[in-house]
PDB file of N, CA and C in Angstrom:
ATOM      1  N   MET A   1       0.746  -1.025  -0.053  1.00  0.00           N
ATOM      2  CA  MET A   1       0.227  -0.027  -0.012  1.00  0.00           C
ATOM      3  C   MET A   1       1.002   1.198  -0.036  1.00  0.00           C
ATOM      4  N   PRO A   2       0.822   2.028  -0.803  1.00  0.00           N
ATOM      5  CA  PRO A   2       1.628   3.401  -1.041  1.00  0.00           C
ATOM      6  C   PRO A   2       1.457   4.147   0.298  1.00  0.00           C
ATOM      7  N   THR A   3       2.445   4.766   0.563  1.00  0.00           N
ATOM      8  CA  THR A   3       2.333   5.689   1.889  1.00  0.00           C
ATOM      9  C   THR A   3       3.535   6.905   1.930  1.00  0.00           C
ATOM     10  N   THR A   4       3.416   7.954   2.617  1.00  0.00           N
ATOM     11  CA  THR A   4       4.457   9.122   2.714  1.00  0.00           C
ATOM     12  C   THR A   4       5.095   8.697   4.044  1.00  0.00           C
ATOM     13  N   ARG A   5       4.673   7.591   4.855  1.00  0.00           N
ATOM     14  CA  ARG A   5       5.246   7.492   6.165  1.00  0.00           C
ATOM     15  C   ARG A   5       6.363   6.449   6.086  1.00  0.00           C
ATOM     16  N   PRO A   6       7.332   6.682   6.859  1.00  0.00           N
ATOM     17  CA  PRO A   6       8.311   5.889   6.989  1.00  0.00           C
ATOM     18  C   PRO A   6       8.166   4.375   7.311  1.00  0.00           C
ATOM     19  N   ARG A   7       8.836   3.318   6.663  1.00  0.00           N
ATOM     20  CA  ARG A   7       8.458   2.007   7.013  1.00  0.00           C
ATOM     21  C   ARG A   7       9.629   1.514   7.640  1.00  0.00           C
ATOM     22  N   LEU A   8       9.268   0.432   8.778  1.00  0.00           N
ATOM     23  CA  LEU A   8       9.909  -0.070   9.337  1.00  0.00           C
ATOM     24  C   LEU A   8      10.390  -1.422   9.156  1.00  0.00           C
ATOM     25  N   THR A   9      11.554  -1.959   9.289  1.00  0.00           N
ATOM     26  CA  THR A   9      11.803  -3.279   8.946  1.00  0.00           C
ATOM     27  C   THR A   9      12.447  -3.753  10.252  1.00  0.00           C
ATOM     28  N   ILE A  10      11.629  -5.046  10.915  1.00  0.00           N
ATOM     29  CA  ILE A  10      12.608  -5.730  11.933  1.00  0.00           C
ATOM     30  C   ILE A  10      12.885  -7.103  11.876  1.00  0.00           C
ATOM     31  N   THR A  11      14.023  -7.573  12.232  1.00  0.00           N
ATOM     32  CA  THR A  11      14.425  -8.968  12.026  1.00  0.00           C
ATOM     33  C   THR A  11      13.895  -9.556  13.562  1.00  0.00           C
ATOM     34  N   GLU A  12      13.138 -10.913  13.096  1.00  0.00           N
ATOM     35  CA  GLU A  12      12.812 -11.542  14.277  1.00  0.00           C
ATOM     36  C   GLU A  12      13.937 -12.358  14.759  1.00  0.00           C
ATOM     37  N   THR A  13      14.716 -11.591  15.831  1.00  0.00           N
ATOM     38  CA  THR A  13      15.771 -12.241  16.659  1.00  0.00           C
ATOM     39  C   THR A  13      15.061 -13.590  17.669  1.00  0.00           C
ATOM     40  N   ASP A  14      16.014 -14.269  18.216  1.00  0.00           N
ATOM     41  CA  ASP A  14      15.365 -15.141  19.227  1.00  0.00           C
ATOM     42  C   ASP A  14      14.728 -14.339  20.168  1.00  0.00           C
ATOM     43  N   GLU A  15      15.274 -13.223  20.899  1.00  0.00           N
ATOM     44  CA  GLU A  15      14.763 -12.609  21.926  1.00  0.00           C
ATOM     45  C   GLU A  15      13.148 -12.082  21.446  1.00  0.00           C
ATOM     46  N   LEU A  16      13.385 -11.452  20.019  1.00  0.00           N
ATOM     47  CA  LEU A  16      12.069 -11.006  19.804  1.00  0.00           C
ATOM     48  C   LEU A  16      10.884 -12.303  19.474  1.00  0.00           C
ATOM     49  N   ALA A  17      11.501 -13.035  19.132  1.00  0.00           N
ATOM     50  CA  ALA A  17      10.715 -14.484  18.757  1.00  0.00           C
ATOM     51  C   ALA A  17      10.044 -14.638  20.233  1.00  0.00           C
ATOM     52  N   ASP A  18      10.750 -14.918  21.295  1.00  0.00           N
ATOM     53  CA  ASP A  18      10.313 -15.160  22.584  1.00  0.00           C
ATOM     54  C   ASP A  18       9.380 -14.159  22.880  1.00  0.00           C
ATOM     55  N   THR A  19       9.363 -12.777  22.958  1.00  0.00           N
ATOM     56  CA  THR A  19       8.427 -11.803  23.064  1.00  0.00           C
ATOM     57  C   THR A  19       7.195 -11.974  22.659  1.00  0.00           C
ATOM     58  N   LEU A  20       7.164 -12.159  21.382  1.00  0.00           N
ATOM     59  CA  LEU A  20       5.984 -12.473  20.705  1.00  0.00           C
ATOM     60  C   LEU A  20       5.286 -13.735  20.857  1.00  0.00           C
ATOM     61  N   ASP A  21       5.968 -14.782  21.181  1.00  0.00           N
ATOM     62  CA  ASP A  21       5.424 -15.971  21.938  1.00  0.00           C
ATOM     63  C   ASP A  21       4.363 -15.506  23.035  1.00  0.00           C
ATOM     64  N   ALA A  22       5.459 -14.694  23.802  1.00  0.00           N
ATOM     65  CA  ALA A  22       4.838 -14.440  25.346  1.00  0.00           C
ATOM     66  C   ALA A  22       3.748 -13.496  24.782  1.00  0.00           C
ATOM     67  N   ALA A  23       3.887 -12.893  24.061  1.00  0.00           N
ATOM     68  CA  ALA A  23       2.224 -11.878  23.669  1.00  0.00           C
ATOM     69  C   ALA A  23       1.370 -12.727  23.235  1.00  0.00           C
ATOM     70  N   ALA A  24       1.632 -13.838  22.313  1.00  0.00           N
ATOM     71  CA  ALA A  24       0.411 -14.707  21.514  1.00  0.00           C
ATOM     72  C   ALA A  24      -0.097 -15.500  22.812  1.00  0.00           C
ATOM     73  N   ALA A  25       0.571 -15.925  23.894  1.00  0.00           N
ATOM     74  CA  ALA A  25      -0.058 -16.368  25.042  1.00  0.00           C
ATOM     75  C   ALA A  25      -0.790 -15.506  25.814  1.00  0.00           C
ATOM     76  N   ARG A  26      -0.328 -14.446  25.740  1.00  0.00           N
ATOM     77  CA  ARG A  26      -1.229 -13.305  26.725  1.00  0.00           C
ATOM     78  C   ARG A  26      -2.455 -12.866  25.980  1.00  0.00           C
ATOM     79  N   TRP A  27      -2.287 -12.500  24.510  1.00  0.00           N
ATOM     80  CA  TRP A  27      -3.698 -12.442  23.813  1.00  0.00           C
ATOM     81  C   TRP A  27      -3.759 -13.217  22.451  1.00  0.00           C
ATOM     82  N   PRO A  28      -4.400 -14.566  23.133  1.00  0.00           N
ATOM     83  CA  PRO A  28      -4.617 -15.588  21.927  1.00  0.00           C
ATOM     84  C   PRO A  28      -5.212 -15.324  20.623  1.00  0.00           C
ATOM     85  N   GLU A  29      -6.261 -14.239  21.007  1.00  0.00           N
ATOM     86  CA  GLU A  29      -7.191 -13.876  19.877  1.00  0.00           C
ATOM     87  C   GLU A  29      -6.389 -13.047  18.885  1.00  0.00           C
ATOM     88  N   ILE A  30      -5.382 -12.831  18.880  1.00  0.00           N
ATOM     89  CA  ILE A  30      -4.288 -11.974  18.120  1.00  0.00           C
ATOM     90  C   ILE A  30      -3.686 -13.017  17.407  1.00  0.00           C
ATOM     91  N   ARG A  31      -3.655 -13.357  16.058  1.00  0.00           N
ATOM     92  CA  ARG A  31      -3.179 -14.441  15.347  1.00  0.00           C
ATOM     93  C   ARG A  31      -1.878 -13.897  14.560  1.00  0.00           C
ATOM     94  N   SER A  32      -1.924 -12.689  14.159  1.00  0.00           N
ATOM     95  CA  SER A  32      -0.844 -12.170  13.458  1.00  0.00           C
ATOM     96  C   SER A  32       0.508 -11.814  14.305  1.00  0.00           C
ATOM     97  N   ARG A  33       1.523 -12.254  13.663  1.00  0.00           N
ATOM     98  CA  ARG A  33       2.580 -11.494  14.679  1.00  0.00           C
ATOM     99  C   ARG A  33       2.847 -10.008  14.569  1.00  0.00           C
ATOM    100  N   ARG A  34       2.749  -9.647  13.360  1.00  0.00           N
ATOM    101  CA  ARG A  34       2.532  -8.131  13.330  1.00  0.00           C
ATOM    102  C   ARG A  34       1.562  -7.434  14.228  1.00  0.00           C
ATOM    103  N   GLU A  35       0.531  -7.895  14.472  1.00  0.00           N
ATOM    104  CA  GLU A  35      -0.607  -7.453  15.322  1.00  0.00           C
ATOM    105  C   GLU A  35      -0.021  -7.469  16.660  1.00  0.00           C
ATOM    106  N   LEU A  36       0.410  -8.448  16.994  1.00  0.00           N
ATOM    107  CA  LEU A  36       1.416  -8.778  18.347  1.00  0.00           C
ATOM    108  C   LEU A  36       2.121  -7.587  18.595  1.00  0.00           C
ATOM    109  N   LEU A  37       3.139  -7.543  17.409  1.00  0.00           N
ATOM    110  CA  LEU A  37       4.180  -6.596  17.725  1.00  0.00           C
ATOM    111  C   LEU A  37       3.142  -5.276  17.797  1.00  0.00           C
ATOM    112  N   LEU A  38       2.778  -4.853  17.152  1.00  0.00           N
ATOM    113  CA  LEU A  38       1.662  -3.430  17.386  1.00  0.00           C
ATOM    114  C   LEU A  38       1.291  -3.425  18.692  1.00  0.00           C
ATOM    115  N   ARG A  39       0.720  -4.457  19.165  1.00  0.00           N
ATOM    116  CA  ARG A  39       0.132  -4.582  20.454  1.00  0.00           C
ATOM    117  C   ARG A  39       0.994  -4.102  21.750  1.00  0.00           C
ATOM    118  N   LEU A  40       2.347  -4.816  21.549  1.00  0.00           N
ATOM    119  CA  LEU A  40       3.303  -4.642  22.316  1.00  0.00           C
ATOM    120  C   LEU A  40       3.851  -3.213  22.541  1.00  0.00           C
ATOM    121  N   VAL A  41       3.850  -2.748  21.080  1.00  0.00           N
ATOM    122  CA  VAL A  41       4.479  -1.198  21.053  1.00  0.00           C
ATOM    123  C   VAL A  41       3.339  -0.388  21.582  1.00  0.00           C
ATOM    124  N   GLU A  42       2.030  -0.404  21.659  1.00  0.00           N
ATOM    125  CA  GLU A  42       0.975   0.125  22.244  1.00  0.00           C
ATOM    126  C   GLU A  42       1.199   0.050  23.730  1.00  0.00           C
ATOM    127  N   GLN A  43       1.177  -1.378  24.137  1.00  0.00           N
ATOM    128  CA  GLN A  43       1.269  -1.435  25.639  1.00  0.00           C
ATOM    129  C   GLN A  43       2.854  -0.364  26.157  1.00  0.00           C
ATOM    130  N   GLY A  44       3.671  -0.680  25.407  1.00  0.00           N
ATOM    131  CA  GLY A  44       4.930  -0.106  25.720  1.00  0.00           C
ATOM    132  C   GLY A  44       5.018   1.473  25.930  1.00  0.00           C
ATOM    133  N   ARG A  45       3.968   2.204  25.226  1.00  0.00           N
ATOM    134  CA  ARG A  45       3.737   3.432  25.004  1.00  0.00           C
ATOM    135  C   ARG A  45       2.910   3.597  26.547  1.00  0.00           C
ATOM    136  N   GLU A  46       2.046   3.173  26.680  1.00  0.00           N
ATOM    137  CA  GLU A  46       1.150   3.303  27.904  1.00  0.00           C
ATOM    138  C   GLU A  46       2.051   2.945  29.130  1.00  0.00           C
ATOM    139  N   VAL A  47       2.860   2.266  29.141  1.00  0.00           N
ATOM    140  CA  VAL A  47       3.952   2.254  30.125  1.00  0.00           C
ATOM    141  C   VAL A  47       4.573   3.414  30.423  1.00  0.00           C
ATOM    142  N   LEU A  48       5.295   4.097  29.153  1.00  0.00           N
ATOM    143  CA  LEU A  48       6.169   5.388  29.248  1.00  0.00           C
ATOM    144  C   LEU A  48       5.350   6.193  29.565  1.00  0.00           C
ATOM    145  N   ASP A  49       4.029   6.376  29.389  1.00  0.00           N
ATOM    146  CA  ASP A  49       3.145   7.766  29.674  1.00  0.00           C
ATOM    147  C   ASP A  49       2.716   7.449  31.080  1.00  0.00           C
ATOM    148  N   ARG A  50       2.424   6.319  31.560  1.00  0.00           N
ATOM    149  CA  ARG A  50       2.339   6.002  33.154  1.00  0.00           C
ATOM    150  C   ARG A  50       3.388   6.417  34.007  1.00  0.00           C
ATOM    151  N   GLU A  51       4.698   5.763  33.436  1.00  0.00           N
ATOM    152  CA  GLU A  51       5.836   6.529  34.056  1.00  0.00           C
ATOM    153  C   GLU A  51       6.114   7.728  34.352  1.00  0.00           C
ATOM    154  N   ARG A  52       5.871   8.729  33.140  1.00  0.00           N
ATOM    155  CA  ARG A  52       6.131   9.873  32.947  1.00  0.00           C
ATOM    156  C   ARG A  52       5.092  10.596  34.058  1.00  0.00           C
ATOM    157  N   GLY A  53       4.023  10.207  34.124  1.00  0.00           N
ATOM    158  CA  GLY A  53       3.084  10.813  35.169  1.00  0.00           C
ATOM    159  C   GLY A  53       3.320  10.518  36.339  1.00  0.00           C
ATOM    160  N   GLU A  54       4.044   9.345  36.449  1.00  0.00           N
ATOM    161  CA  GLU A  54       4.458   9.412  38.160  1.00  0.00           C
ATOM    162  C   GLU A  54       5.458  10.138  38.410  1.00  0.00           C
ATOM    163  N   GLU A  55       6.502  10.094  37.688  1.00  0.00           N
ATOM    164  CA  GLU A  55       7.555  11.151  37.726  1.00  0.00           C
ATOM    165  C   GLU A  55       7.188  12.268  37.964  1.00  0.00           C
ATOM    166  N   THR A  56       5.918  13.048  37.237  1.00  0.00           N
ATOM    167  CA  THR A  56       5.683  14.397  37.311  1.00  0.00           C
ATOM    168  C   THR A  56       5.060  14.543  38.905  1.00  0.00           C
ATOM    169  N   ALA A  57       4.349  13.381  39.084  1.00  0.00           N
ATOM    170  CA  ALA A  57       3.667  13.610  40.577  1.00  0.00           C
ATOM    171  C   ALA A  57       4.615  13.592  41.673  1.00  0.00           C
ATOM    172  N   ARG A  58       5.799  12.980  41.300  1.00  0.00           N
ATOM    173  CA  ARG A  58       6.732  12.634  42.354  1.00  0.00           C
ATOM    174  C   ARG A  58       7.551  13.982  42.712  1.00  0.00           C
ATOM    175  N   ARG A  59       7.852  14.824  41.321  1.00  0.00           N
ATOM    176  CA  ARG A  59       8.330  15.911  41.537  1.00  0.00           C
ATOM    177  C   ARG A  59       7.505  17.211  42.032  1.00  0.00           C
ATOM    178  N   ARG A  60       6.056  16.996  41.650  1.00  0.00           N
ATOM    179  CA  ARG A  60       5.245  17.925  42.471  1.00  0.00           C
ATOM    180  C   ARG A  60       5.205  17.655  43.806  1.00  0.00           C
ATOM    181  N   ASP A  61       5.106  16.401  44.035  1.00  0.00           N
ATOM    182  CA  ASP A  61       5.031  16.256  45.783  1.00  0.00           C
ATOM    183  C   ASP A  61       6.429  16.675  46.398  1.00  0.00           C
ATOM    184  N   ALA A  62       7.727  16.534  45.627  1.00  0.00           N
ATOM    185  CA  ALA A  62       8.789  17.057  46.043  1.00  0.00           C
ATOM    186  C   ALA A  62       8.740  18.562  46.458  1.00  0.00           C
ATOM    187  N   VAL A  63       8.055  19.303  45.181  1.00  0.00           N
ATOM    188  CA  VAL A  63       8.028  20.834  45.334  1.00  0.00           C
ATOM    189  C   VAL A  63       7.016  21.119  46.724  1.00  0.00           C
ATOM    190  N   ARG A  64       6.003  20.567  46.857  1.00  0.00           N
ATOM    191  CA  ARG A  64       5.147  20.918  47.833  1.00  0.00           C
ATOM    192  C   ARG A  64       5.631  20.658  49.125  1.00  0.00           C
ATOM    193  N   ARG A  65       6.576  19.653  49.286  1.00  0.00           N
ATOM    194  CA  ARG A  65       7.046  19.405  50.564  1.00  0.00           C
ATOM    195  C   ARG A  65       8.084  20.508  51.070  1.00  0.00           C
ATOM    196  N   THR A  66       8.896  20.685  50.214  1.00  0.00           N
ATOM    197  CA  THR A  66       9.838  21.682  50.530  1.00  0.00           C
ATOM    198  C   THR A  66       9.580  22.952  50.257  1.00  0.00           C
ATOM    199  N   SER A  67       8.690  23.213  49.829  1.00  0.00           N
ATOM    200  CA  SER A  67       7.865  24.733  49.665  1.00  0.00           C
ATOM    201  C   SER A  67       7.980  25.499  50.777  1.00  0.00           C
ATOM    202  N   GLY A  68       8.508  26.632  50.754  1.00  0.00           N
ATOM    203  CA  GLY A  68       8.928  27.414  52.043  1.00  0.00           C
ATOM    204  C   GLY A  68       9.813  26.985  52.860  1.00  0.00           C
ATOM    205  N   ALA A  69      10.644  25.998  52.458  1.00  0.00           N
ATOM    206  CA  ALA A  69      11.563  25.453  53.691  1.00  0.00           C
ATOM    207  C   ALA A  69      12.670  26.736  53.927  1.00  0.00           C
ATOM    208  N   LEU A  70      12.903  27.480  53.151  1.00  0.00           N
ATOM    209  CA  LEU A  70      14.147  28.550  53.087  1.00  0.00           C
ATOM    210  C   LEU A  70      13.282  29.937  53.498  1.00  0.00           C
ATOM    211  N   SER A  71      12.132  29.823  54.011  1.00  0.00           N
ATOM    212  CA  SER A  71      11.464  31.163  54.280  1.00  0.00           C
ATOM    213  C   SER A  71      12.166  31.688  55.438  1.00  0.00           C
ATOM    214  N   GLY A  72      12.486  32.892  55.423  1.00  0.00           N
ATOM    215  CA  GLY A  72      13.131  33.742  56.510  1.00  0.00           C
ATOM    216  C   GLY A  72      14.854  33.521  56.673  1.00  0.00           C
ATOM    217  N   ALA A  73      15.120  32.574  55.623  1.00  0.00           N
ATOM    218  CA  ALA A  73      16.723  32.439  55.523  1.00  0.00           C
ATOM    219  C   ALA A  73      17.405  33.477  54.950  1.00  0.00           C
ATOM    220  N   TYR A  74      16.507  34.610  54.043  1.00  0.00           N
ATOM    221  CA  TYR A  74      17.150  35.692  53.692  1.00  0.00           C
ATOM    222  C   TYR A  74      16.411  37.141  54.117  1.00  0.00           C
ATOM    223  N   ASP A  75      17.255  38.160  54.570  1.00  0.00           N
ATOM    224  CA  ASP A  75      16.496  39.049  55.099  1.00  0.00           C
ATOM    225  C   ASP A  75      15.889  40.020  53.959  1.00  0.00           C
ATOM    226  N   ALA A  76      15.032  40.935  54.483  1.00  0.00           N
ATOM    227  CA  ALA A  76      14.225  41.704  53.430  1.00  0.00           C
ATOM    228  C   ALA A  76      15.429  42.582  52.450  1.00  0.00           C
ATOM    229  N   GLY A  77      15.246  42.550  51.279  1.00  0.00           N
ATOM    230  CA  GLY A  77      16.287  43.460  50.408  1.00  0.00           C
ATOM    231  C   GLY A  77      17.374  42.917  50.073  1.00  0.00           C
ATOM    232  N   TYR A  78      17.455  41.654  50.472  1.00  0.00           N
ATOM    233  CA  TYR A  78      18.561  40.696  49.859  1.00  0.00           C
ATOM    234  C   TYR A  78      18.973  40.630  48.387  1.00  0.00           C
ATOM    235  N   LEU A  79      17.727  40.332  47.737  1.00  0.00           N
ATOM    236  CA  LEU A  79      18.086  40.306  46.334  1.00  0.00           C
ATOM    237  C   LEU A  79      18.598  41.610  45.888  1.00  0.00           C
ATOM    238  N   GLU A  80      17.612  42.730  46.417  1.00  0.00           N
ATOM    239  CA  GLU A  80      17.880  44.040  45.685  1.00  0.00           C
ATOM    240  C   GLU A  80      19.753  44.402  45.772  1.00  0.00           C
ATOM    241  N   ARG A  81      19.951  44.228  46.949  1.00  0.00           N
ATOM    242  CA  ARG A  81      21.489  44.326  47.405  1.00  0.00           C
ATOM    243  C   ARG A  81      22.558  43.462  46.841  1.00  0.00           C
ATOM    244  N   LEU A  82      22.192  42.241  46.553  1.00  0.00           N
ATOM    245  CA  LEU A  82      22.814  41.244  45.674  1.00  0.00           C
ATOM    246  C   LEU A  82      23.150  41.711  44.121  1.00  0.00           C
ATOM    247  N   ARG A  83      21.685  42.241  43.199  1.00  0.00           N
ATOM    248  CA  ARG A  83      21.833  42.710  42.264  1.00  0.00           C
ATOM    249  C   ARG A  83      22.591  43.837  42.103  1.00  0.00           C
ATOM    250  N   ASP A  84      22.705  44.729  43.364  1.00  0.00           N
ATOM    251  CA  ASP A  84      23.559  45.977  42.952  1.00  0.00           C
ATOM    252  C   ASP A  84      25.005  45.681  42.732  1.00  0.00           C
ATOM    253  N   ASP A  85      25.364  44.398  43.135  1.00  0.00           N
ATOM    254  CA  ASP A  85      26.812  44.148  42.783  1.00  0.00           C
ATOM    255  C   ASP A  85      27.059  43.836  41.517  1.00  0.00           C
ATOM    256  N   TRP A  86      26.019  43.542  40.617  1.00  0.00           N
ATOM    257  CA  TRP A  86      25.959  43.122  39.229  1.00  0.00           C
ATOM    258  C   TRP A  86      26.417  44.441  38.096  1.00  0.00           C
ATOM    259  N   PRO A  87      27.195  44.060  37.401  1.00  0.00           N
ATOM    260  CA  PRO A  87      27.215  45.434  36.522  1.00  0.00           C
ATOM    261  C   PRO A  87      26.203  45.656  35.557  1.00  0.00           C
ATOM    262  N   ALA A  88      25.995  46.901  35.206  1.00  0.00           N
ATOM    263  CA  ALA A  88      25.044  47.553  34.309  1.00  0.00           C
ATOM    264  C   ALA A  88      24.915  47.013  33.430  1.00  0.00           C
TER     265      ALA A  88
END
């Protein structure tokens, strides 16, 4: 079928064959190894998205936990005095 999209060619190595066999056991309704590969890619994408969301949540939690931790560490006007030292 004509397409303007890139085509990918993958050699079924022993490791990939084992992975596709495991996928076939997981999704017995899928008979095509091509379709199994596409399902594995889809599942991998879902894992990546979930991990990215979890990492974002961990970072936000860290920001919330440490928010205000340095309150009072610098006296009023500190930033302005610091900037006065910078060349214009």
